[in-house]
Amino acid sequence: MRQLTVRLKSWESRKLRQLRDHATSARVVRRAACLLRSAAGERAKDIARVLGLSADAVTDIRRRWRRRRMRSVRDRARSGRPPRAGAAYLREIGRAH
């Protein structure tokens, strides 16, 4: 199977490294790491083993990158019941810790 190549602009690479190192979501961290490793020329099979993903998941991440670029890394908004806690309440909880 032919590998999908990932080419990053310098600002995209910087942003992906920042997300990999500081994102709060494990899914975002894995996607950013996958893309950085892909741009470095690593094979999907090797990336999958290191990150605990399937080879198909790596291919999906690469495909989404080609269509949506940086928008493909973060999670999309999900439907469902909105949280009961507002932004101000969550900030106070964060300060308490």
PDB file of N, CA and C in Angstrom:
ATOM      1  N   MET A   1       0.841  -1.182   0.000  1.00  0.00           N
ATOM      2  CA  MET A   1       0.000   0.000   0.000  1.00  0.00           C
ATOM      3  C   MET A   1       0.886   1.246   0.000  1.00  0.00           C
ATOM      4  N   ARG A   2       0.508   2.221  -0.831  1.00  0.00           N
ATOM      5  CA  ARG A   2       1.250   3.465  -0.932  1.00  0.00           C
ATOM      6  C   ARG A   2       0.962   4.340   0.287  1.00  0.00           C
ATOM      7  N   GLN A   3       2.031   4.878   0.870  1.00  0.00           N
ATOM      8  CA  GLN A   3       1.870   5.730   2.053  1.00  0.00           C
ATOM      9  C   GLN A   3       1.443   7.136   1.651  1.00  0.00           C
ATOM     10  N   LEU A   4       0.592   7.726   2.460  1.00  0.00           N
ATOM     11  CA  LEU A   4       0.228   9.127   2.269  1.00  0.00           C
ATOM     12  C   LEU A   4       1.330   9.987   2.880  1.00  0.00           C
ATOM     13  N   THR A   5       1.860  10.880   2.104  1.00  0.00           N
ATOM     14  CA  THR A   5       2.920  11.738   2.625  1.00  0.00           C
ATOM     15  C   THR A   5       2.302  12.942   3.334  1.00  0.00           C
ATOM     16  N   VAL A   6       2.996  13.391   4.348  1.00  0.00           N
ATOM     17  CA  VAL A   6       2.571  14.571   5.104  1.00  0.00           C
ATOM     18  C   VAL A   6       3.688  15.590   5.014  1.00  0.00           C
ATOM     19  N   ARG A   7       3.354  16.744   4.502  1.00  0.00           N
ATOM     20  CA  ARG A   7       4.318  17.854   4.431  1.00  0.00           C
ATOM     21  C   ARG A   7       3.790  18.983   5.302  1.00  0.00           C
ATOM     22  N   LEU A   8       4.671  19.503   6.134  1.00  0.00           N
ATOM     23  CA  LEU A   8       4.275  20.560   7.069  1.00  0.00           C
ATOM     24  C   LEU A   8       4.998  21.854   6.750  1.00  0.00           C
ATOM     25  N   LYS A   9       4.271  22.939   6.855  1.00  0.00           N
ATOM     26  CA  LYS A   9       4.898  24.259   6.809  1.00  0.00           C
ATOM     27  C   LYS A   9       5.543  24.477   8.167  1.00  0.00           C
ATOM     28  N   SER A  10       6.489  25.388   8.261  1.00  0.00           N
ATOM     29  CA  SER A  10       7.213  25.573   9.522  1.00  0.00           C
ATOM     30  C   SER A  10       6.268  25.979  10.658  1.00  0.00           C
ATOM     31  N   TRP A  11       5.301  26.842  10.376  1.00  0.00           N
ATOM     32  CA  TRP A  11       4.372  27.257  11.432  1.00  0.00           C
ATOM     33  C   TRP A  11       3.473  26.096  11.855  1.00  0.00           C
ATOM     34  N   GLU A  12       3.124  25.200  10.920  1.00  0.00           N
ATOM     35  CA  GLU A  12       2.312  24.042  11.271  1.00  0.00           C
ATOM     36  C   GLU A  12       3.101  23.094  12.169  1.00  0.00           C
ATOM     37  N   SER A  13       4.349  22.917  11.848  1.00  0.00           N
ATOM     38  CA  SER A  13       5.213  22.059  12.658  1.00  0.00           C
ATOM     39  C   SER A  13       5.338  22.600  14.084  1.00  0.00           C
ATOM     40  N   ARG A  14       5.535  23.911  14.211  1.00  0.00           N
ATOM     41  CA  ARG A  14       5.628  24.536  15.538  1.00  0.00           C
ATOM     42  C   ARG A  14       4.328  24.342  16.316  1.00  0.00           C
ATOM     43  N   LYS A  15       3.199  24.570  15.660  1.00  0.00           N
ATOM     44  CA  LYS A  15       1.901  24.446  16.320  1.00  0.00           C
ATOM     45  C   LYS A  15       1.640  22.997  16.734  1.00  0.00           C
ATOM     46  N   LEU A  16       1.999  22.038  15.882  1.00  0.00           N
ATOM     47  CA  LEU A  16       1.805  20.626  16.217  1.00  0.00           C
ATOM     48  C   LEU A  16       2.687  20.210  17.396  1.00  0.00           C
ATOM     49  N   ARG A  17       3.922  20.709  17.443  1.00  0.00           N
ATOM     50  CA  ARG A  17       4.789  20.406  18.587  1.00  0.00           C
ATOM     51  C   ARG A  17       4.201  20.987  19.867  1.00  0.00           C
ATOM     52  N   GLN A  18       3.660  22.190  19.770  1.00  0.00           N
ATOM     53  CA  GLN A  18       3.032  22.821  20.936  1.00  0.00           C
ATOM     54  C   GLN A  18       1.835  21.999  21.400  1.00  0.00           C
ATOM     55  N   LEU A  19       0.992  21.568  20.464  1.00  0.00           N
ATOM     56  CA  LEU A  19      -0.162  20.741  20.827  1.00  0.00           C
ATOM     57  C   LEU A  19       0.282  19.404  21.412  1.00  0.00           C
ATOM     58  N   ARG A  20       1.285  18.793  20.820  1.00  0.00           N
ATOM     59  CA  ARG A  20       1.780  17.508  21.324  1.00  0.00           C
ATOM     60  C   ARG A  20       2.268  17.641  22.764  1.00  0.00           C
ATOM     61  N   ASP A  21       2.907  18.745  23.077  1.00  0.00           N
ATOM     62  CA  ASP A  21       3.518  18.914  24.390  1.00  0.00           C
ATOM     63  C   ASP A  21       2.578  19.498  25.450  1.00  0.00           C
ATOM     64  N   HIS A  22       1.495  20.166  25.023  1.00  0.00           N
ATOM     65  CA  HIS A  22       0.675  20.887  26.001  1.00  0.00           C
ATOM     66  C   HIS A  22      -0.829  20.676  25.885  1.00  0.00           C
ATOM     67  N   ALA A  23      -1.293  19.870  24.975  1.00  0.00           N
ATOM     68  CA  ALA A  23      -2.742  19.678  24.819  1.00  0.00           C
ATOM     69  C   ALA A  23      -3.305  18.938  26.029  1.00  0.00           C
ATOM     70  N   THR A  24      -4.550  19.197  26.336  1.00  0.00           N
ATOM     71  CA  THR A  24      -5.191  18.539  27.469  1.00  0.00           C
ATOM     72  C   THR A  24      -5.885  17.243  27.058  1.00  0.00           C
ATOM     73  N   SER A  25      -6.090  17.047  25.775  1.00  0.00           N
ATOM     74  CA  SER A  25      -6.756  15.849  25.280  1.00  0.00           C
ATOM     75  C   SER A  25      -5.729  14.856  24.740  1.00  0.00           C
ATOM     76  N   ALA A  26      -5.804  13.626  25.194  1.00  0.00           N
ATOM     77  CA  ALA A  26      -4.879  12.589  24.709  1.00  0.00           C
ATOM     78  C   ALA A  26      -5.064  12.346  23.219  1.00  0.00           C
ATOM     79  N   ARG A  27      -6.292  12.490  22.717  1.00  0.00           N
ATOM     80  CA  ARG A  27      -6.529  12.296  21.276  1.00  0.00           C
ATOM     81  C   ARG A  27      -5.789  13.338  20.462  1.00  0.00           C
ATOM     82  N   VAL A  28      -5.798  14.578  20.909  1.00  0.00           N
ATOM     83  CA  VAL A  28      -5.104  15.659  20.202  1.00  0.00           C
ATOM     84  C   VAL A  28      -3.594  15.415  20.239  1.00  0.00           C
ATOM     85  N   VAL A  29      -3.084  14.992  21.389  1.00  0.00           N
ATOM     86  CA  VAL A  29      -1.654  14.698  21.528  1.00  0.00           C
ATOM     87  C   VAL A  29      -1.241  13.608  20.545  1.00  0.00           C
ATOM     88  N   ARG A  30      -2.033  12.522  20.470  1.00  0.00           N
ATOM     89  CA  ARG A  30      -1.704  11.423  19.546  1.00  0.00           C
ATOM     90  C   ARG A  30      -1.764  11.869  18.096  1.00  0.00           C
ATOM     91  N   ARG A  31      -2.772  12.658  17.735  1.00  0.00           N
ATOM     92  CA  ARG A  31      -2.872  13.142  16.349  1.00  0.00           C
ATOM     93  C   ARG A  31      -1.676  14.015  15.988  1.00  0.00           C
ATOM     94  N   ALA A  32      -1.310  14.928  16.884  1.00  0.00           N
ATOM     95  CA  ALA A  32      -0.171  15.810  16.613  1.00  0.00           C
ATOM     96  C   ALA A  32       1.120  15.006  16.491  1.00  0.00           C
ATOM     97  N   ALA A  33       1.337  14.060  17.390  1.00  0.00           N
ATOM     98  CA  ALA A  33       2.539  13.223  17.336  1.00  0.00           C
ATOM     99  C   ALA A  33       2.566  12.396  16.059  1.00  0.00           C
ATOM    100  N   CYS A  34       1.424  11.870  15.669  1.00  0.00           N
ATOM    101  CA  CYS A  34       1.325  11.084  14.446  1.00  0.00           C
ATOM    102  C   CYS A  34       1.719  11.918  13.225  1.00  0.00           C
ATOM    103  N   LEU A  35       1.218  13.132  13.160  1.00  0.00           N
ATOM    104  CA  LEU A  35       1.521  13.996  12.020  1.00  0.00           C
ATOM    105  C   LEU A  35       2.988  14.413  11.995  1.00  0.00           C
ATOM    106  N   LEU A  36       3.550  14.704  13.156  1.00  0.00           N
ATOM    107  CA  LEU A  36       4.961  15.074  13.207  1.00  0.00           C
ATOM    108  C   LEU A  36       5.842  13.905  12.777  1.00  0.00           C
ATOM    109  N   ARG A  37       5.525  12.706  13.232  1.00  0.00           N
ATOM    110  CA  ARG A  37       6.293  11.523  12.842  1.00  0.00           C
ATOM    111  C   ARG A  37       6.093  11.224  11.358  1.00  0.00           C
ATOM    112  N   SER A  38       4.895  11.425  10.853  1.00  0.00           N
ATOM    113  CA  SER A  38       4.629  11.204   9.430  1.00  0.00           C
ATOM    114  C   SER A  38       5.448  12.157   8.574  1.00  0.00           C
ATOM    115  N   ALA A  39       5.503  13.420   8.989  1.00  0.00           N
ATOM    116  CA  ALA A  39       6.276  14.411   8.244  1.00  0.00           C
ATOM    117  C   ALA A  39       7.768  14.093   8.276  1.00  0.00           C
ATOM    118  N   ALA A  40       8.211  13.393   9.323  1.00  0.00           N
ATOM    119  CA  ALA A  40       9.619  12.998   9.429  1.00  0.00           C
ATOM    120  C   ALA A  40       9.927  11.765   8.579  1.00  0.00           C
ATOM    121  N   GLY A  41       8.881  11.187   7.952  1.00  0.00           N
ATOM    122  CA  GLY A  41       9.095  10.068   7.053  1.00  0.00           C
ATOM    123  C   GLY A  41       8.912   8.687   7.665  1.00  0.00           C
ATOM    124  N   GLU A  42       8.407   8.623   8.888  1.00  0.00           N
ATOM    125  CA  GLU A  42       8.201   7.314   9.518  1.00  0.00           C
ATOM    126  C   GLU A  42       7.043   6.579   8.852  1.00  0.00           C
ATOM    127  N   ARG A  43       7.112   5.267   8.845  1.00  0.00           N
ATOM    128  CA  ARG A  43       6.069   4.437   8.257  1.00  0.00           C
ATOM    129  C   ARG A  43       4.875   4.338   9.199  1.00  0.00           C
ATOM    130  N   ALA A  44       3.698   4.175   8.603  1.00  0.00           N
ATOM    131  CA  ALA A  44       2.455   4.096   9.384  1.00  0.00           C
ATOM    132  C   ALA A  44       2.518   2.967  10.406  1.00  0.00           C
ATOM    133  N   LYS A  45       3.073   1.834  10.012  1.00  0.00           N
ATOM    134  CA  LYS A  45       3.152   0.680  10.907  1.00  0.00           C
ATOM    135  C   LYS A  45       3.980   1.008  12.154  1.00  0.00           C
ATOM    136  N   ASP A  46       5.090   1.720  11.964  1.00  0.00           N
ATOM    137  CA  ASP A  46       5.960   2.084  13.086  1.00  0.00           C
ATOM    138  C   ASP A  46       5.308   3.129  13.990  1.00  0.00           C
ATOM    139  N   ILE A  47       4.651   4.103  13.371  1.00  0.00           N
ATOM    140  CA  ILE A  47       3.955   5.133  14.146  1.00  0.00           C
ATOM    141  C   ILE A  47       2.850   4.497  14.981  1.00  0.00           C
ATOM    142  N   ALA A  48       2.108   3.594  14.357  1.00  0.00           N
ATOM    143  CA  ALA A  48       1.011   2.923  15.055  1.00  0.00           C
ATOM    144  C   ALA A  48       1.523   2.169  16.280  1.00  0.00           C
ATOM    145  N   ARG A  49       2.626   1.468  16.133  1.00  0.00           N
ATOM    146  CA  ARG A  49       3.171   0.694  17.251  1.00  0.00           C
ATOM    147  C   ARG A  49       3.602   1.607  18.388  1.00  0.00           C
ATOM    148  N   VAL A  50       4.285   2.692  18.081  1.00  0.00           N
ATOM    149  CA  VAL A  50       4.804   3.604  19.106  1.00  0.00           C
ATOM    150  C   VAL A  50       3.676   4.343  19.827  1.00  0.00           C
ATOM    151  N   LEU A  51       2.655   4.769  19.078  1.00  0.00           N
ATOM    152  CA  LEU A  51       1.585   5.587  19.665  1.00  0.00           C
ATOM    153  C   LEU A  51       0.393   4.779  20.157  1.00  0.00           C
ATOM    154  N   GLY A  52       0.410   3.479  19.931  1.00  0.00           N
ATOM    155  CA  GLY A  52      -0.704   2.653  20.379  1.00  0.00           C
ATOM    156  C   GLY A  52      -1.947   2.816  19.530  1.00  0.00           C
ATOM    157  N   LEU A  53      -1.758   3.063  18.252  1.00  0.00           N
ATOM    158  CA  LEU A  53      -2.855   3.209  17.307  1.00  0.00           C
ATOM    159  C   LEU A  53      -2.838   2.042  16.330  1.00  0.00           C
ATOM    160  N   SER A  54      -3.876   1.912  15.546  1.00  0.00           N
ATOM    161  CA  SER A  54      -3.851   0.948  14.449  1.00  0.00           C
ATOM    162  C   SER A  54      -3.254   1.651  13.222  1.00  0.00           C
ATOM    163  N   ALA A  55      -2.771   0.862  12.281  1.00  0.00           N
ATOM    164  CA  ALA A  55      -2.237   1.441  11.045  1.00  0.00           C
ATOM    165  C   ALA A  55      -3.346   2.183  10.298  1.00  0.00           C
ATOM    166  N   ASP A  56      -4.573   1.670  10.375  1.00  0.00           N
ATOM    167  CA  ASP A  56      -5.710   2.356   9.744  1.00  0.00           C
ATOM    168  C   ASP A  56      -5.967   3.722  10.380  1.00  0.00           C
ATOM    169  N   ALA A  57      -5.797   3.811  11.692  1.00  0.00           N
ATOM    170  CA  ALA A  57      -5.992   5.098  12.378  1.00  0.00           C
ATOM    171  C   ALA A  57      -4.957   6.112  11.910  1.00  0.00           C
ATOM    172  N   VAL A  58      -3.724   5.666  11.730  1.00  0.00           N
ATOM    173  CA  VAL A  58      -2.669   6.561  11.232  1.00  0.00           C
ATOM    174  C   VAL A  58      -3.036   7.058   9.837  1.00  0.00           C
ATOM    175  N   THR A  59      -3.504   6.154   8.993  1.00  0.00           N
ATOM    176  CA  THR A  59      -3.911   6.541   7.643  1.00  0.00           C
ATOM    177  C   THR A  59      -5.071   7.528   7.689  1.00  0.00           C
ATOM    178  N   ASP A  60      -6.039   7.307   8.581  1.00  0.00           N
ATOM    179  CA  ASP A  60      -7.167   8.233   8.720  1.00  0.00           C
ATOM    180  C   ASP A  60      -6.704   9.620   9.146  1.00  0.00           C
ATOM    181  N   ILE A  61      -5.782   9.679  10.094  1.00  0.00           N
ATOM    182  CA  ILE A  61      -5.255  10.965  10.562  1.00  0.00           C
ATOM    183  C   ILE A  61      -4.563  11.689   9.416  1.00  0.00           C
ATOM    184  N   ARG A  62      -3.791  10.945   8.632  1.00  0.00           N
ATOM    185  CA  ARG A  62      -3.107  11.551   7.484  1.00  0.00           C
ATOM    186  C   ARG A  62      -4.104  12.051   6.434  1.00  0.00           C
ATOM    187  N   ARG A  63      -5.138  11.279   6.165  1.00  0.00           N
ATOM    188  CA  ARG A  63      -6.149  11.695   5.177  1.00  0.00           C
ATOM    189  C   ARG A  63      -6.871  12.951   5.632  1.00  0.00           C
ATOM    190  N   ARG A  64      -7.269  12.960   6.907  1.00  0.00           N
ATOM    191  CA  ARG A  64      -7.950  14.154   7.430  1.00  0.00           C
ATOM    192  C   ARG A  64      -7.037  15.375   7.342  1.00  0.00           C
ATOM    193  N   TRP A  65      -5.750  15.175   7.602  1.00  0.00           N
ATOM    194  CA  TRP A  65      -4.794  16.291   7.514  1.00  0.00           C
ATOM    195  C   TRP A  65      -4.784  16.875   6.108  1.00  0.00           C
ATOM    196  N   ARG A  66      -4.793  16.018   5.115  1.00  0.00           N
ATOM    197  CA  ARG A  66      -4.751  16.504   3.735  1.00  0.00           C
ATOM    198  C   ARG A  66      -5.998  17.316   3.387  1.00  0.00           C
ATOM    199  N   ARG A  67      -7.132  16.992   3.986  1.00  0.00           N
ATOM    200  CA  ARG A  67      -8.374  17.710   3.696  1.00  0.00           C
ATOM    201  C   ARG A  67      -8.550  18.957   4.551  1.00  0.00           C
ATOM    202  N   ARG A  68      -8.199  18.885   5.824  1.00  0.00           N
ATOM    203  CA  ARG A  68      -8.583  19.943   6.763  1.00  0.00           C
ATOM    204  C   ARG A  68      -7.411  20.641   7.445  1.00  0.00           C
ATOM    205  N   ARG A  69      -6.192  20.184   7.193  1.00  0.00           N
ATOM    206  CA  ARG A  69      -4.977  20.750   7.795  1.00  0.00           C
ATOM    207  C   ARG A  69      -5.125  20.871   9.318  1.00  0.00           C
ATOM    208  N   MET A  70      -4.841  22.034   9.901  1.00  0.00           N
ATOM    209  CA  MET A  70      -4.824  22.186  11.366  1.00  0.00           C
ATOM    210  C   MET A  70      -6.189  21.919  12.003  1.00  0.00           C
ATOM    211  N   ARG A  71      -7.268  22.136  11.268  1.00  0.00           N
ATOM    212  CA  ARG A  71      -8.602  21.873  11.813  1.00  0.00           C
ATOM    213  C   ARG A  71      -8.820  20.389  12.090  1.00  0.00           C
ATOM    214  N   SER A  72      -8.006  19.529  11.474  1.00  0.00           N
ATOM    215  CA  SER A  72      -8.186  18.086  11.651  1.00  0.00           C
ATOM    216  C   SER A  72      -7.615  17.577  12.973  1.00  0.00           C
ATOM    217  N   VAL A  73      -6.821  18.376  13.647  1.00  0.00           N
ATOM    218  CA  VAL A  73      -6.135  17.905  14.849  1.00  0.00           C
ATOM    219  C   VAL A  73      -7.031  17.977  16.079  1.00  0.00           C
ATOM    220  N   ARG A  74      -7.733  19.049  16.234  1.00  0.00           N
ATOM    221  CA  ARG A  74      -8.601  19.210  17.412  1.00  0.00           C
ATOM    222  C   ARG A  74      -9.919  18.456  17.225  1.00  0.00           C
ATOM    223  N   ASP A  75     -10.542  18.104  18.341  1.00  0.00           N
ATOM    224  CA  ASP A  75     -11.836  17.436  18.297  1.00  0.00           C
ATOM    225  C   ASP A  75     -12.897  18.411  17.831  1.00  0.00           C
ATOM    226  N   ARG A  76     -13.840  17.896  17.075  1.00  0.00           N
ATOM    227  CA  ARG A  76     -14.985  18.711  16.678  1.00  0.00           C
ATOM    228  C   ARG A  76     -15.963  18.788  17.845  1.00  0.00           C
ATOM    229  N   ALA A  77     -16.796  19.812  17.815  1.00  0.00           N
ATOM    230  CA  ALA A  77     -17.842  19.940  18.835  1.00  0.00           C
ATOM    231  C   ALA A  77     -18.783  18.751  18.723  1.00  0.00           C
ATOM    232  N   ARG A  78     -19.236  18.273  19.842  1.00  0.00           N
ATOM    233  CA  ARG A  78     -20.131  17.120  19.860  1.00  0.00           C
ATOM    234  C   ARG A  78     -21.509  17.529  20.343  1.00  0.00           C
ATOM    235  N   SER A  79     -22.482  16.860  19.818  1.00  0.00           N
ATOM    236  CA  SER A  79     -23.846  17.145  20.259  1.00  0.00           C
ATOM    237  C   SER A  79     -24.063  16.509  21.620  1.00  0.00           C
ATOM    238  N   GLY A  80     -25.127  16.895  22.235  1.00  0.00           N
ATOM    239  CA  GLY A  80     -25.440  16.340  23.547  1.00  0.00           C
ATOM    240  C   GLY A  80     -25.767  17.442  24.527  1.00  0.00           C
ATOM    241  N   ARG A  81     -26.004  17.020  25.729  1.00  0.00           N
ATOM    242  CA  ARG A  81     -26.374  17.962  26.768  1.00  0.00           C
ATOM    243  C   ARG A  81     -25.196  18.881  27.077  1.00  0.00           C
ATOM    244  N   PRO A  82     -25.446  20.184  27.137  1.00  0.00           N
ATOM    245  CA  PRO A  82     -24.363  21.111  27.478  1.00  0.00           C
ATOM    246  C   PRO A  82     -23.964  20.944  28.945  1.00  0.00           C
ATOM    247  N   PRO A  83     -22.736  21.295  29.287  1.00  0.00           N
ATOM    248  CA  PRO A  83     -22.306  21.160  30.679  1.00  0.00           C
ATOM    249  C   PRO A  83     -23.092  22.112  31.581  1.00  0.00           C
ATOM    250  N   ARG A  84     -23.301  21.681  32.799  1.00  0.00           N
ATOM    251  CA  ARG A  84     -24.034  22.513  33.755  1.00  0.00           C
ATOM    252  C   ARG A  84     -23.131  23.586  34.348  1.00  0.00           C
ATOM    253  N   ALA A  85     -21.837  23.317  34.405  1.00  0.00           N
ATOM    254  CA  ALA A  85     -20.894  24.282  34.969  1.00  0.00           C
ATOM    255  C   ALA A  85     -20.509  25.302  33.899  1.00  0.00           C
ATOM    256  N   GLY A  86     -20.570  26.571  34.271  1.00  0.00           N
ATOM    257  CA  GLY A  86     -20.191  27.632  33.344  1.00  0.00           C
ATOM    258  C   GLY A  86     -18.691  27.893  33.379  1.00  0.00           C
ATOM    259  N   ALA A  87     -18.233  28.763  32.510  1.00  0.00           N
ATOM    260  CA  ALA A  87     -16.808  29.068  32.393  1.00  0.00           C
ATOM    261  C   ALA A  87     -16.252  29.676  33.689  1.00  0.00           C
ATOM    262  N   ALA A  88     -17.000  30.568  34.309  1.00  0.00           N
ATOM    263  CA  ALA A  88     -16.532  31.216  35.543  1.00  0.00           C
ATOM    264  C   ALA A  88     -16.362  30.174  36.657  1.00  0.00           C
ATOM    265  N   TYR A  89     -17.314  29.266  36.778  1.00  0.00           N
ATOM    266  CA  TYR A  89     -17.236  28.211  37.791  1.00  0.00           C
ATOM    267  C   TYR A  89     -16.013  27.328  37.551  1.00  0.00           C
ATOM    268  N   LEU A  90     -15.781  26.952  36.304  1.00  0.00           N
ATOM    269  CA  LEU A  90     -14.632  26.101  35.982  1.00  0.00           C
ATOM    270  C   LEU A  90     -13.305  26.801  36.272  1.00  0.00           C
ATOM    271  N   ARG A  91     -13.256  28.120  36.047  1.00  0.00           N
ATOM    272  CA  ARG A  91     -12.045  28.885  36.386  1.00  0.00           C
ATOM    273  C   ARG A  91     -11.782  28.844  37.886  1.00  0.00           C
ATOM    274  N   GLU A  92     -12.833  29.006  38.677  1.00  0.00           N
ATOM    275  CA  GLU A  92     -12.694  28.974  40.138  1.00  0.00           C
ATOM    276  C   GLU A  92     -12.212  27.604  40.614  1.00  0.00           C
ATOM    277  N   ILE A  93     -12.745  26.550  40.016  1.00  0.00           N
ATOM    278  CA  ILE A  93     -12.302  25.195  40.353  1.00  0.00           C
ATOM    279  C   ILE A  93     -10.820  25.036  40.021  1.00  0.00           C
ATOM    280  N   GLY A  94     -10.413  25.573  38.884  1.00  0.00           N
ATOM    281  CA  GLY A  94      -9.002  25.512  38.498  1.00  0.00           C
ATOM    282  C   GLY A  94      -8.093  26.255  39.476  1.00  0.00           C
ATOM    283  N   ARG A  95      -8.558  27.369  39.970  1.00  0.00           N
ATOM    284  CA  ARG A  95      -7.767  28.144  40.937  1.00  0.00           C
ATOM    285  C   ARG A  95      -7.665  27.400  42.271  1.00  0.00           C
ATOM    286  N   ALA A  96      -8.699  26.668  42.628  1.00  0.00           N
ATOM    287  CA  ALA A  96      -8.719  25.949  43.908  1.00  0.00           C
ATOM    288  C   ALA A  96      -7.696  24.827  43.948  1.00  0.00           C
ATOM    289  N   HIS A  97      -7.353  24.284  42.814  1.00  0.00           N
ATOM    290  CA  HIS A  97      -6.371  23.190  42.787  1.00  0.00           C
ATOM    291  C   HIS A  97      -5.010  23.703  42.807  1.00  0.00           C
TER     292      HIS A  97
END
